[in-house]
Each structure stands twice: as C-alpha cells, then as structure tokens.
Amino acid sequence: MYIDKISKQYKGQVHTQYLLRSSKREGKKIIKTTILNLTSLGKETCEAMIYALKHKRSLARLIEKINRSILFNQPFLFKHPLHQR
C-alpha cells in the first residue's frame, strides 16, 4: 500500500487528491486499486503521512531517542537531518 498524490488542473486551478492505494501486476499491466480517499484529512495531514511512510526507519529511531530521554529525564534536542546547516 502507498499514498498516491494526484494533481489535476481544471479551469486554471490545481486540485490535489491524496489516495491510499494498492497495486498488483497482472501480466504486463499494473493495476492500481484505490482503497481510501484521504483528501478530506487535509494537505498537512496527508503530507505528514507520506513523510512518515518514506522515513519510517528514521522515525522509529527518533521515537526510541525520545523515549530514552524521557526515561532518563534528559532534555531532548531534535535536529532534523534535512534542516541542518
């Protein structure tokens, strides 16, 4: 399963849909099946879900660090790898 972001232009406006989908191969074709339309959850929520799925290993390590800092009563400083200078 994956989240598919689809943008379409209609009458000068861009409309974006977020769909939870699965795909399977039948012969030489790939068949996509929409399981759920996530658009009503909002752009921020859908983008966060896409980010979480792409970085699930990193998020597991982040959660582990947060839990350790809570356990040992230490402040947790998060430095996002994409926003470091």
Foldseek 3Di string as FASTA:
>chain_A
DAWDWDWDDDPRDIDIWIFDWDWDDDPPDIDIDTDDTCVVVDDVVSVVVNVCVVPVVVVVVVVVQVVVCVVVVHDDDDDDPVPDD
